[in-house]
Amino acid sequence: MRLDDNGRVYLPASIRKNLRSREFYVEEKDGRIILIPVREKLMKYRGIFRGENLTGEEIDEIVKKETQKLLRGEL
């Protein structure tokens, strides 16, 4: 793998094809980079809207805000 001039990491196709997410929560621990699919971090919200009378757009906005918090390390 390599890091380009813009800081992007290129993952080999053999790894990418096994991933179910294109967005990741990034952690650094002991000099190592850990990528955790955002989907896994957001699973705690699964079913949270059940029984709510929300539009698709409202749900999308809530999910977007929670994802942004997660990516900023606020969750």
C-alpha atoms as a PDB file:
ATOM      1  CA  MET A   1       0.000   0.000   0.000  1.00  0.00           C
ATOM      2  CA  ARG A   2       1.060   3.560  -0.398  1.00  0.00           C
ATOM      3  CA  LEU A   3       0.062   7.063   0.616  1.00  0.00           C
ATOM      4  CA  ASP A   4      -0.262   9.593  -2.215  1.00  0.00           C
ATOM      5  CA  ASP A   5       0.688  13.285  -2.137  1.00  0.00           C
ATOM      6  CA  ASN A   6      -2.846  14.156  -0.937  1.00  0.00           C
ATOM      7  CA  GLY A   7      -2.682  11.733   1.990  1.00  0.00           C
ATOM      8  CA  ARG A   8      -4.911   9.095   0.408  1.00  0.00           C
ATOM      9  CA  VAL A   9      -4.268   5.444   1.143  1.00  0.00           C
ATOM     10  CA  TYR A  10      -4.786   2.979  -1.665  1.00  0.00           C
ATOM     11  CA  LEU A  11      -6.221  -0.338  -0.517  1.00  0.00           C
ATOM     12  CA  PRO A  12      -5.653  -3.349  -2.745  1.00  0.00           C
ATOM     13  CA  ALA A  13      -8.715  -4.653  -4.598  1.00  0.00           C
ATOM     14  CA  SER A  14      -8.411  -7.943  -2.712  1.00  0.00           C
ATOM     15  CA  ILE A  15      -9.111  -6.069   0.540  1.00  0.00           C
ATOM     16  CA  ARG A  16     -11.707  -3.643  -0.848  1.00  0.00           C
ATOM     17  CA  LYS A  17     -13.923  -6.374  -2.267  1.00  0.00           C
ATOM     18  CA  ASN A  18     -14.402  -7.854   1.224  1.00  0.00           C
ATOM     19  CA  LEU A  19     -15.405  -4.537   2.800  1.00  0.00           C
ATOM     20  CA  ARG A  20     -19.059  -3.593   3.059  1.00  0.00           C
ATOM     21  CA  SER A  21     -18.396   0.051   3.763  1.00  0.00           C
ATOM     22  CA  ARG A  22     -16.772   2.943   1.954  1.00  0.00           C
ATOM     23  CA  GLU A  23     -16.608   5.156   5.050  1.00  0.00           C
ATOM     24  CA  PHE A  24     -14.470   4.409   8.056  1.00  0.00           C
ATOM     25  CA  TYR A  25     -13.822   5.655  11.555  1.00  0.00           C
ATOM     26  CA  VAL A  26     -10.048   5.995  11.878  1.00  0.00           C
ATOM     27  CA  GLU A  27      -8.128   5.331  15.058  1.00  0.00           C
ATOM     28  CA  GLU A  28      -4.408   5.570  15.680  1.00  0.00           C
ATOM     29  CA  LYS A  29      -3.017   3.293  18.338  1.00  0.00           C
ATOM     30  CA  ASP A  30       0.645   2.630  19.093  1.00  0.00           C
ATOM     31  CA  GLY A  31       1.686   3.985  15.700  1.00  0.00           C
ATOM     32  CA  ARG A  32      -0.833   1.838  13.832  1.00  0.00           C
ATOM     33  CA  ILE A  33      -3.822   2.985  11.816  1.00  0.00           C
ATOM     34  CA  ILE A  34      -7.078   1.160  12.489  1.00  0.00           C
ATOM     35  CA  LEU A  35     -10.005   1.488  10.068  1.00  0.00           C
ATOM     36  CA  ILE A  36     -13.418   0.616  11.497  1.00  0.00           C
ATOM     37  CA  PRO A  37     -16.350   0.633   9.078  1.00  0.00           C
ATOM     38  CA  VAL A  38     -18.747   3.418  10.067  1.00  0.00           C
ATOM     39  CA  ARG A  39     -21.587   0.929   9.619  1.00  0.00           C
ATOM     40  CA  GLU A  40     -20.343  -1.056  12.632  1.00  0.00           C
ATOM     41  CA  LYS A  41     -20.155   2.053  14.806  1.00  0.00           C
ATOM     42  CA  LEU A  42     -23.676   3.100  13.787  1.00  0.00           C
ATOM     43  CA  MET A  43     -25.301  -0.298  14.401  1.00  0.00           C
ATOM     44  CA  LYS A  44     -26.288   0.885  17.884  1.00  0.00           C
ATOM     45  CA  TYR A  45     -28.856   3.081  16.114  1.00  0.00           C
ATOM     46  CA  ARG A  46     -30.456   0.187  14.228  1.00  0.00           C
ATOM     47  CA  GLY A  47     -34.224   0.266  14.696  1.00  0.00           C
ATOM     48  CA  ILE A  48     -34.143   3.623  16.467  1.00  0.00           C
ATOM     49  CA  PHE A  49     -36.683   5.115  14.052  1.00  0.00           C
ATOM     50  CA  ARG A  50     -39.132   2.231  14.302  1.00  0.00           C
ATOM     51  CA  GLY A  51     -42.531   3.626  15.170  1.00  0.00           C
ATOM     52  CA  GLU A  52     -41.459   7.208  14.433  1.00  0.00           C
ATOM     53  CA  ASN A  53     -43.345   9.247  11.873  1.00  0.00           C
ATOM     54  CA  LEU A  54     -40.315  10.657  10.035  1.00  0.00           C
ATOM     55  CA  THR A  55     -39.752  11.247   6.346  1.00  0.00           C
ATOM     56  CA  GLY A  56     -36.836   9.645   4.548  1.00  0.00           C
ATOM     57  CA  GLU A  57     -35.189  13.037   4.332  1.00  0.00           C
ATOM     58  CA  GLU A  58     -35.495  13.566   8.099  1.00  0.00           C
ATOM     59  CA  ILE A  59     -33.969  10.163   8.792  1.00  0.00           C
ATOM     60  CA  ASP A  60     -31.156  10.850   6.309  1.00  0.00           C
ATOM     61  CA  GLU A  61     -30.393  14.155   8.030  1.00  0.00           C
ATOM     62  CA  ILE A  62     -30.270  12.558  11.489  1.00  0.00           C
ATOM     63  CA  VAL A  63     -27.996   9.770  10.227  1.00  0.00           C
ATOM     64  CA  LYS A  64     -25.764  12.330   8.481  1.00  0.00           C
ATOM     65  CA  LYS A  65     -25.377  14.374  11.682  1.00  0.00           C
ATOM     66  CA  GLU A  66     -24.628  11.291  13.799  1.00  0.00           C
ATOM     67  CA  THR A  67     -22.085  10.062  11.229  1.00  0.00           C
ATOM     68  CA  GLN A  68     -20.344  13.449  11.264  1.00  0.00           C
ATOM     69  CA  LYS A  69     -20.156  13.328  15.079  1.00  0.00           C
ATOM     70  CA  LEU A  70     -18.680   9.850  14.864  1.00  0.00           C
ATOM     71  CA  LEU A  71     -16.078  10.889  12.319  1.00  0.00           C
ATOM     72  CA  ARG A  72     -15.089  13.861  14.514  1.00  0.00           C
ATOM     73  CA  GLY A  73     -14.646  11.473  17.444  1.00  0.00           C
ATOM     74  CA  GLU A  74     -17.578  12.848  19.436  1.00  0.00           C
ATOM     75  CA  LEU A  75     -19.300   9.472  19.895  1.00  0.00           C
END
